[in-house]
All heavy atoms as atom14 arrays in JSON, in Angstrom:
{
  "sequence": "SLEGVPVVVVKCGIGKVNAALCVQILSDCFEVTHVINTG",
  "atom14_mask": [
    [1, 1, 1, 1, 1, 1, 0, 0, 0, 0, 0, 0, 0, 0],
    [1, 1, 1, 1, 1, 1, 1, 1, 0, 0, 0, 0, 0, 0],
    [1, 1, 1, 1, 1, 1, 1, 1, 1, 0, 0, 0, 0, 0],
    [1, 1, 1, 1, 0, 0, 0, 0, 0, 0, 0, 0, 0, 0],
    [1, 1, 1, 1, 1, 1, 1, 0, 0, 0, 0, 0, 0, 0],
    [1, 1, 1, 1, 1, 1, 1, 0, 0, 0, 0, 0, 0, 0],
    [1, 1, 1, 1, 1, 1, 1, 0, 0, 0, 0, 0, 0, 0],
    [1, 1, 1, 1, 1, 1, 1, 0, 0, 0, 0, 0, 0, 0],
    [1, 1, 1, 1, 1, 1, 1, 0, 0, 0, 0, 0, 0, 0],
    [1, 1, 1, 1, 1, 1, 1, 0, 0, 0, 0, 0, 0, 0],
    [1, 1, 1, 1, 1, 1, 1, 1, 1, 0, 0, 0, 0, 0],
    [1, 1, 1, 1, 1, 1, 0, 0, 0, 0, 0, 0, 0, 0],
    [1, 1, 1, 1, 0, 0, 0, 0, 0, 0, 0, 0, 0, 0],
    [1, 1, 1, 1, 1, 1, 1, 1, 0, 0, 0, 0, 0, 0],
    [1, 1, 1, 1, 0, 0, 0, 0, 0, 0, 0, 0, 0, 0],
    [1, 1, 1, 1, 1, 1, 1, 1, 1, 0, 0, 0, 0, 0],
    [1, 1, 1, 1, 1, 1, 1, 0, 0, 0, 0, 0, 0, 0],
    [1, 1, 1, 1, 1, 1, 1, 1, 0, 0, 0, 0, 0, 0],
    [1, 1, 1, 1, 1, 0, 0, 0, 0, 0, 0, 0, 0, 0],
    [1, 1, 1, 1, 1, 0, 0, 0, 0, 0, 0, 0, 0, 0],
    [1, 1, 1, 1, 1, 1, 1, 1, 0, 0, 0, 0, 0, 0],
    [1, 1, 1, 1, 1, 1, 0, 0, 0, 0, 0, 0, 0, 0],
    [1, 1, 1, 1, 1, 1, 1, 0, 0, 0, 0, 0, 0, 0],
    [1, 1, 1, 1, 1, 1, 1, 1, 1, 0, 0, 0, 0, 0],
    [1, 1, 1, 1, 1, 1, 1, 1, 0, 0, 0, 0, 0, 0],
    [1, 1, 1, 1, 1, 1, 1, 1, 0, 0, 0, 0, 0, 0],
    [1, 1, 1, 1, 1, 1, 0, 0, 0, 0, 0, 0, 0, 0],
    [1, 1, 1, 1, 1, 1, 1, 1, 0, 0, 0, 0, 0, 0],
    [1, 1, 1, 1, 1, 1, 0, 0, 0, 0, 0, 0, 0, 0],
    [1, 1, 1, 1, 1, 1, 1, 1, 1, 1, 1, 0, 0, 0],
    [1, 1, 1, 1, 1, 1, 1, 1, 1, 0, 0, 0, 0, 0],
    [1, 1, 1, 1, 1, 1, 1, 0, 0, 0, 0, 0, 0, 0],
    [1, 1, 1, 1, 1, 1, 1, 0, 0, 0, 0, 0, 0, 0],
    [1, 1, 1, 1, 1, 1, 1, 1, 1, 1, 0, 0, 0, 0],
    [1, 1, 1, 1, 1, 1, 1, 0, 0, 0, 0, 0, 0, 0],
    [1, 1, 1, 1, 1, 1, 1, 1, 0, 0, 0, 0, 0, 0],
    [1, 1, 1, 1, 1, 1, 1, 1, 0, 0, 0, 0, 0, 0],
    [1, 1, 1, 1, 1, 1, 1, 0, 0, 0, 0, 0, 0, 0],
    [1, 1, 1, 1, 0, 0, 0, 0, 0, 0, 0, 0, 0, 0]
  ],
  "atom14_positions": [
    [[-72.18, 153.74, 148.85], [-71.04, 153.52, 147.97], [-70.59, 154.8, 147.41], [-71.33, 155.81, 147.22], [-71.47, 152.57, 146.82], [-72.47, 153.15, 146.04], [0.0, 0.0, 0.0], [0.0, 0.0, 0.0], [0.0, 0.0, 0.0], [0.0, 0.0, 0.0], [0.0, 0.0, 0.0], [0.0, 0.0, 0.0], [0.0, 0.0, 0.0], [0.0, 0.0, 0.0]],
    [[-69.28, 154.84, 147.08], [-68.6, 156.01, 146.52], [-67.62, 155.54, 145.47], [-66.79, 154.67, 145.81], [-67.89, 156.86, 147.61], [-67.22, 158.12, 147.15], [-68.19, 159.09, 146.56], [-66.52, 158.76, 148.38], [0.0, 0.0, 0.0], [0.0, 0.0, 0.0], [0.0, 0.0, 0.0], [0.0, 0.0, 0.0], [0.0, 0.0, 0.0], [0.0, 0.0, 0.0]],
    [[-67.76, 156.0, 144.22], [-66.91, 155.46, 143.16], [-67.01, 153.93, 143.01], [-66.05, 153.26, 142.68], [-65.44, 155.86, 143.35], [-65.2, 157.38, 143.44], [-65.63, 158.14, 142.2], [-65.72, 157.52, 141.16], [-65.8, 159.33, 142.27], [0.0, 0.0, 0.0], [0.0, 0.0, 0.0], [0.0, 0.0, 0.0], [0.0, 0.0, 0.0], [0.0, 0.0, 0.0]],
    [[-68.2, 153.41, 143.33], [-68.41, 151.97, 143.22], [-67.88, 151.12, 144.33], [-67.9, 149.93, 144.23], [0.0, 0.0, 0.0], [0.0, 0.0, 0.0], [0.0, 0.0, 0.0], [0.0, 0.0, 0.0], [0.0, 0.0, 0.0], [0.0, 0.0, 0.0], [0.0, 0.0, 0.0], [0.0, 0.0, 0.0], [0.0, 0.0, 0.0], [0.0, 0.0, 0.0]],
    [[-67.37, 151.78, 145.36], [-66.77, 151.05, 146.51], [-67.69, 151.21, 147.73], [-68.11, 152.32, 148.04], [-65.38, 151.63, 146.84], [-64.83, 150.88, 148.04], [-64.43, 151.47, 145.62], [0.0, 0.0, 0.0], [0.0, 0.0, 0.0], [0.0, 0.0, 0.0], [0.0, 0.0, 0.0], [0.0, 0.0, 0.0], [0.0, 0.0, 0.0], [0.0, 0.0, 0.0]],
    [[-68.0, 150.1, 148.42], [-68.79, 150.21, 149.68], [-68.0, 151.04, 150.68], [-66.83, 150.78, 150.99], [-68.91, 148.8, 150.11], [-68.74, 147.98, 148.88], [-67.72, 148.69, 148.07], [0.0, 0.0, 0.0], [0.0, 0.0, 0.0], [0.0, 0.0, 0.0], [0.0, 0.0, 0.0], [0.0, 0.0, 0.0], [0.0, 0.0, 0.0], [0.0, 0.0, 0.0]],
    [[-68.7, 152.06, 151.24], [-68.05, 152.94, 152.22], [-69.02, 153.29, 153.35], [-70.24, 153.15, 153.18], [-67.6, 154.29, 151.55], [-66.55, 154.0, 150.46], [-68.78, 155.06, 150.99], [0.0, 0.0, 0.0], [0.0, 0.0, 0.0], [0.0, 0.0, 0.0], [0.0, 0.0, 0.0], [0.0, 0.0, 0.0], [0.0, 0.0, 0.0], [0.0, 0.0, 0.0]],
    [[-68.43, 153.68, 154.43], [-69.17, 154.37, 155.54], [-68.47, 155.68, 155.82], [-67.27, 155.7, 156.21], [-69.21, 153.52, 156.81], [-70.05, 154.22, 157.85], [-69.78, 152.13, 156.46], [0.0, 0.0, 0.0], [0.0, 0.0, 0.0], [0.0, 0.0, 0.0], [0.0, 0.0, 0.0], [0.0, 0.0, 0.0], [0.0, 0.0, 0.0], [0.0, 0.0, 0.0]],
    [[-69.15, 156.81, 155.63], [-68.52, 158.11, 155.81], [-69.1, 158.76, 157.1], [-70.33, 158.73, 157.31], [-68.85, 159.07, 154.59], [-68.26, 160.42, 154.84], [-68.26, 158.48, 153.33], [0.0, 0.0, 0.0], [0.0, 0.0, 0.0], [0.0, 0.0, 0.0], [0.0, 0.0, 0.0], [0.0, 0.0, 0.0], [0.0, 0.0, 0.0], [0.0, 0.0, 0.0]],
    [[-68.22, 159.31, 157.88], [-68.65, 159.85, 159.22], [-67.79, 161.01, 159.67], [-66.6, 161.02, 159.41], [-68.62, 158.68, 160.26], [-67.24, 158.05, 160.33], [-69.06, 159.19, 161.65], [0.0, 0.0, 0.0], [0.0, 0.0, 0.0], [0.0, 0.0, 0.0], [0.0, 0.0, 0.0], [0.0, 0.0, 0.0], [0.0, 0.0, 0.0], [0.0, 0.0, 0.0]],
    [[-68.48, 161.99, 160.26], [-67.8, 163.04, 161.0], [-67.66, 162.62, 162.45], [-68.68, 162.46, 163.11], [-68.59, 164.37, 160.89], [-67.93, 165.52, 161.62], [-68.85, 166.7, 161.69], [-69.9, 166.55, 162.81], [-70.69, 167.76, 163.05], [0.0, 0.0, 0.0], [0.0, 0.0, 0.0], [0.0, 0.0, 0.0], [0.0, 0.0, 0.0], [0.0, 0.0, 0.0]],
    [[-66.43, 162.44, 162.9], [-66.3, 161.95, 164.26], [-66.28, 162.97, 165.33], [-66.51, 162.72, 166.48], [-64.96, 161.06, 164.34], [-63.44, 162.08, 164.21], [0.0, 0.0, 0.0], [0.0, 0.0, 0.0], [0.0, 0.0, 0.0], [0.0, 0.0, 0.0], [0.0, 0.0, 0.0], [0.0, 0.0, 0.0], [0.0, 0.0, 0.0], [0.0, 0.0, 0.0]],
    [[-66.0, 164.23, 164.98], [-65.81, 165.27, 165.91], [-64.31, 165.41, 166.24], [-63.52, 164.57, 165.93], [0.0, 0.0, 0.0], [0.0, 0.0, 0.0], [0.0, 0.0, 0.0], [0.0, 0.0, 0.0], [0.0, 0.0, 0.0], [0.0, 0.0, 0.0], [0.0, 0.0, 0.0], [0.0, 0.0, 0.0], [0.0, 0.0, 0.0], [0.0, 0.0, 0.0]],
    [[-63.97, 166.53, 166.84], [-62.54, 166.86, 167.07], [-61.99, 166.13, 168.32], [-62.63, 166.01, 169.35], [-62.41, 168.38, 167.23], [-62.72, 169.08, 165.89], [-60.99, 168.79, 167.63], [-62.87, 170.58, 165.97], [0.0, 0.0, 0.0], [0.0, 0.0, 0.0], [0.0, 0.0, 0.0], [0.0, 0.0, 0.0], [0.0, 0.0, 0.0], [0.0, 0.0, 0.0]],
    [[-60.78, 165.68, 168.21], [-60.05, 165.14, 169.32], [-59.89, 163.6, 169.28], [-60.59, 162.92, 168.56], [0.0, 0.0, 0.0], [0.0, 0.0, 0.0], [0.0, 0.0, 0.0], [0.0, 0.0, 0.0], [0.0, 0.0, 0.0], [0.0, 0.0, 0.0], [0.0, 0.0, 0.0], [0.0, 0.0, 0.0], [0.0, 0.0, 0.0], [0.0, 0.0, 0.0]],
    [[-58.93, 163.13, 170.06], [-58.48, 161.77, 170.02], [-59.58, 160.74, 170.51], [-59.71, 159.67, 170.0], [-57.21, 161.56, 170.79], [-56.03, 162.28, 170.18], [-54.72, 161.76, 170.79], [-54.72, 161.96, 172.3], [-53.5, 161.37, 172.9], [0.0, 0.0, 0.0], [0.0, 0.0, 0.0], [0.0, 0.0, 0.0], [0.0, 0.0, 0.0], [0.0, 0.0, 0.0]],
    [[-60.31, 161.18, 171.53], [-61.34, 160.23, 172.09], [-62.44, 160.01, 171.07], [-62.81, 158.84, 170.82], [-61.89, 160.78, 173.38], [-63.09, 159.9, 173.88], [-60.85, 160.82, 174.51], [0.0, 0.0, 0.0], [0.0, 0.0, 0.0], [0.0, 0.0, 0.0], [0.0, 0.0, 0.0], [0.0, 0.0, 0.0], [0.0, 0.0, 0.0], [0.0, 0.0, 0.0]],
    [[-62.95, 161.1, 170.51], [-63.96, 160.96, 169.47], [-63.52, 160.08, 168.31], [-64.23, 159.24, 167.79], [-64.33, 162.34, 168.9], [-65.22, 163.16, 169.82], [-66.01, 162.58, 170.54], [-65.07, 164.45, 169.77], [0.0, 0.0, 0.0], [0.0, 0.0, 0.0], [0.0, 0.0, 0.0], [0.0, 0.0, 0.0], [0.0, 0.0, 0.0], [0.0, 0.0, 0.0]],
    [[-62.28, 160.29, 167.89], [-61.71, 159.6, 166.74], [-61.6, 158.11, 167.01], [-61.98, 157.26, 166.14], [-60.36, 160.19, 166.32], [0.0, 0.0, 0.0], [0.0, 0.0, 0.0], [0.0, 0.0, 0.0], [0.0, 0.0, 0.0], [0.0, 0.0, 0.0], [0.0, 0.0, 0.0], [0.0, 0.0, 0.0], [0.0, 0.0, 0.0], [0.0, 0.0, 0.0]],
    [[-61.02, 157.74, 168.11], [-60.85, 156.31, 168.48], [-62.17, 155.6, 168.64], [-62.44, 154.49, 168.19], [-60.0, 156.18, 169.73], [0.0, 0.0, 0.0], [0.0, 0.0, 0.0], [0.0, 0.0, 0.0], [0.0, 0.0, 0.0], [0.0, 0.0, 0.0], [0.0, 0.0, 0.0], [0.0, 0.0, 0.0], [0.0, 0.0, 0.0], [0.0, 0.0, 0.0]],
    [[-63.14, 156.3, 169.29], [-64.45, 155.74, 169.48], [-65.12, 155.5, 168.13], [-65.8, 154.43, 167.93], [-65.3, 156.71, 170.29], [-66.78, 156.32, 170.55], [-66.85, 155.04, 171.34], [-67.5, 157.44, 171.32], [0.0, 0.0, 0.0], [0.0, 0.0, 0.0], [0.0, 0.0, 0.0], [0.0, 0.0, 0.0], [0.0, 0.0, 0.0], [0.0, 0.0, 0.0]],
    [[-64.93, 156.4, 167.19], [-65.5, 156.25, 165.85], [-64.97, 155.02, 165.19], [-65.76, 154.26, 164.52], [-65.17, 157.5, 165.03], [-65.93, 157.51, 163.41], [0.0, 0.0, 0.0], [0.0, 0.0, 0.0], [0.0, 0.0, 0.0], [0.0, 0.0, 0.0], [0.0, 0.0, 0.0], [0.0, 0.0, 0.0], [0.0, 0.0, 0.0], [0.0, 0.0, 0.0]],
    [[-63.66, 154.74, 165.23], [-63.11, 153.57, 164.65], [-63.72, 152.3, 165.26], [-64.03, 151.34, 164.5], [-61.54, 153.53, 164.81], [-60.96, 152.19, 164.3], [-60.91, 154.68, 164.08], [0.0, 0.0, 0.0], [0.0, 0.0, 0.0], [0.0, 0.0, 0.0], [0.0, 0.0, 0.0], [0.0, 0.0, 0.0], [0.0, 0.0, 0.0], [0.0, 0.0, 0.0]],
    [[-63.88, 152.3, 166.56], [-64.46, 151.09, 167.19], [-65.9, 150.81, 166.72], [-66.29, 149.67, 166.48], [-64.42, 151.23, 168.66], [-64.59, 149.95, 169.45], [-63.49, 148.91, 169.1], [-62.31, 149.25, 169.21], [-63.88, 147.75, 168.64], [0.0, 0.0, 0.0], [0.0, 0.0, 0.0], [0.0, 0.0, 0.0], [0.0, 0.0, 0.0], [0.0, 0.0, 0.0]],
    [[-66.65, 151.91, 166.54], [-68.02, 151.72, 166.02], [-67.97, 151.23, 164.59], [-68.76, 150.33, 164.21], [-68.78, 153.06, 166.13], [-68.99, 153.41, 167.61], [-70.14, 152.96, 165.43], [-69.52, 154.86, 167.81], [0.0, 0.0, 0.0], [0.0, 0.0, 0.0], [0.0, 0.0, 0.0], [0.0, 0.0, 0.0], [0.0, 0.0, 0.0], [0.0, 0.0, 0.0]],
    [[-67.1, 151.77, 163.75], [-66.97, 151.29, 162.39], [-66.63, 149.84, 162.35], [-67.11, 149.12, 161.48], [-65.91, 152.1, 161.66], [-66.3, 153.53, 161.24], [-65.03, 154.31, 160.77], [-67.39, 153.55, 160.19], [0.0, 0.0, 0.0], [0.0, 0.0, 0.0], [0.0, 0.0, 0.0], [0.0, 0.0, 0.0], [0.0, 0.0, 0.0], [0.0, 0.0, 0.0]],
    [[-65.79, 149.36, 163.23], [-65.38, 147.97, 163.29], [-66.53, 147.11, 163.8], [-66.87, 146.08, 163.19], [-64.17, 147.8, 164.15], [-63.8, 146.45, 164.21], [0.0, 0.0, 0.0], [0.0, 0.0, 0.0], [0.0, 0.0, 0.0], [0.0, 0.0, 0.0], [0.0, 0.0, 0.0], [0.0, 0.0, 0.0], [0.0, 0.0, 0.0], [0.0, 0.0, 0.0]],
    [[-67.14, 147.49, 164.9], [-68.15, 146.62, 165.59], [-69.52, 146.67, 164.87], [-70.13, 145.59, 164.72], [-68.33, 147.07, 167.01], [-67.15, 146.79, 167.91], [-66.29, 145.96, 167.49], [-67.06, 147.36, 169.02], [0.0, 0.0, 0.0], [0.0, 0.0, 0.0], [0.0, 0.0, 0.0], [0.0, 0.0, 0.0], [0.0, 0.0, 0.0], [0.0, 0.0, 0.0]],
    [[-69.91, 147.82, 164.47], [-71.31, 147.93, 163.92], [-71.41, 147.93, 162.39], [-72.44, 147.57, 161.88], [-71.92, 149.25, 164.44], [-71.99, 149.37, 166.28], [0.0, 0.0, 0.0], [0.0, 0.0, 0.0], [0.0, 0.0, 0.0], [0.0, 0.0, 0.0], [0.0, 0.0, 0.0], [0.0, 0.0, 0.0], [0.0, 0.0, 0.0], [0.0, 0.0, 0.0]],
    [[-70.35, 148.27, 161.73], [-70.35, 148.32, 160.25], [-69.38, 147.35, 159.61], [-69.42, 147.23, 158.4], [-70.07, 149.77, 159.85], [-71.1, 150.76, 160.24], [-70.92, 151.45, 161.46], [-72.24, 151.0, 159.54], [-71.87, 152.33, 161.89], [-73.21, 151.87, 159.93], [-73.02, 152.57, 161.11], [0.0, 0.0, 0.0], [0.0, 0.0, 0.0], [0.0, 0.0, 0.0]],
    [[-68.57, 146.71, 160.36], [-67.63, 145.69, 159.91], [-66.82, 146.16, 158.7], [-66.68, 145.48, 157.69], [-68.42, 144.43, 159.53], [-69.12, 143.79, 160.75], [-69.83, 142.51, 160.39], [-70.23, 142.33, 159.22], [-70.05, 141.67, 161.31], [0.0, 0.0, 0.0], [0.0, 0.0, 0.0], [0.0, 0.0, 0.0], [0.0, 0.0, 0.0], [0.0, 0.0, 0.0]],
    [[-66.24, 147.38, 158.86], [-65.39, 147.87, 157.77], [-64.09, 147.08, 157.73], [-63.71, 146.47, 158.74], [-65.04, 149.38, 157.97], [-66.32, 150.24, 157.98], [-64.23, 149.63, 159.22], [0.0, 0.0, 0.0], [0.0, 0.0, 0.0], [0.0, 0.0, 0.0], [0.0, 0.0, 0.0], [0.0, 0.0, 0.0], [0.0, 0.0, 0.0], [0.0, 0.0, 0.0]],
    [[-63.5, 147.07, 156.57], [-62.26, 146.31, 156.38], [-61.03, 147.17, 156.34], [-59.88, 146.71, 156.46], [-62.33, 145.48, 155.08], [-62.55, 146.37, 153.95], [-63.48, 144.45, 155.15], [0.0, 0.0, 0.0], [0.0, 0.0, 0.0], [0.0, 0.0, 0.0], [0.0, 0.0, 0.0], [0.0, 0.0, 0.0], [0.0, 0.0, 0.0], [0.0, 0.0, 0.0]],
    [[-61.24, 148.5, 156.02], [-60.13, 149.45, 155.93], [-60.62, 150.78, 156.46], [-61.82, 151.04, 156.51], [-59.66, 149.68, 154.5], [-59.2, 148.46, 153.8], [-60.07, 147.43, 153.36], [-57.97, 148.02, 153.42], [-59.37, 146.48, 152.75], [-58.11, 146.82, 152.81], [0.0, 0.0, 0.0], [0.0, 0.0, 0.0], [0.0, 0.0, 0.0], [0.0, 0.0, 0.0]],
    [[-59.64, 151.63, 156.93], [-60.0, 152.95, 157.44], [-59.15, 154.05, 156.81], [-57.93, 153.87, 156.66], [-59.8, 152.99, 158.97], [-59.96, 154.42, 159.5], [-60.73, 152.03, 159.67], [0.0, 0.0, 0.0], [0.0, 0.0, 0.0], [0.0, 0.0, 0.0], [0.0, 0.0, 0.0], [0.0, 0.0, 0.0], [0.0, 0.0, 0.0], [0.0, 0.0, 0.0]],
    [[-59.79, 155.11, 156.35], [-59.14, 156.31, 155.88], [-59.48, 157.49, 156.76], [-60.68, 157.66, 157.08], [-59.57, 156.64, 154.43], [-59.18, 155.5, 153.46], [-58.94, 157.92, 154.01], [-59.68, 155.74, 152.08], [0.0, 0.0, 0.0], [0.0, 0.0, 0.0], [0.0, 0.0, 0.0], [0.0, 0.0, 0.0], [0.0, 0.0, 0.0], [0.0, 0.0, 0.0]],
    [[-58.51, 158.18, 157.24], [-58.72, 159.44, 157.91], [-58.4, 160.59, 156.97], [-57.25, 160.72, 156.54], [-57.91, 159.51, 159.2], [-58.03, 160.84, 159.92], [-57.11, 161.3, 160.52], [-59.22, 161.43, 159.92], [0.0, 0.0, 0.0], [0.0, 0.0, 0.0], [0.0, 0.0, 0.0], [0.0, 0.0, 0.0], [0.0, 0.0, 0.0], [0.0, 0.0, 0.0]],
    [[-59.35, 161.42, 156.67], [-59.16, 162.51, 155.77], [-59.33, 163.86, 156.52], [-60.15, 163.91, 157.42], [-60.09, 162.45, 154.56], [-59.88, 163.58, 153.71], [-61.56, 162.43, 154.97], [0.0, 0.0, 0.0], [0.0, 0.0, 0.0], [0.0, 0.0, 0.0], [0.0, 0.0, 0.0], [0.0, 0.0, 0.0], [0.0, 0.0, 0.0], [0.0, 0.0, 0.0]],
    [[-58.63, 164.9, 156.1], [-58.83, 166.14, 156.72], [-57.64, 167.1, 156.54], [-56.88, 166.98, 155.56], [0.0, 0.0, 0.0], [0.0, 0.0, 0.0], [0.0, 0.0, 0.0], [0.0, 0.0, 0.0], [0.0, 0.0, 0.0], [0.0, 0.0, 0.0], [0.0, 0.0, 0.0], [0.0, 0.0, 0.0], [0.0, 0.0, 0.0], [0.0, 0.0, 0.0]]
  ]
}
């Protein structure tokens, strides 16, 4: 949790393939409801 909100924080690595794969894992394995890309 961060600021009282359930979160999953991850470094995906550089590039589009890494990033898309990361979203799929967040959806399938962690059942996130929203996604933020920061950088």
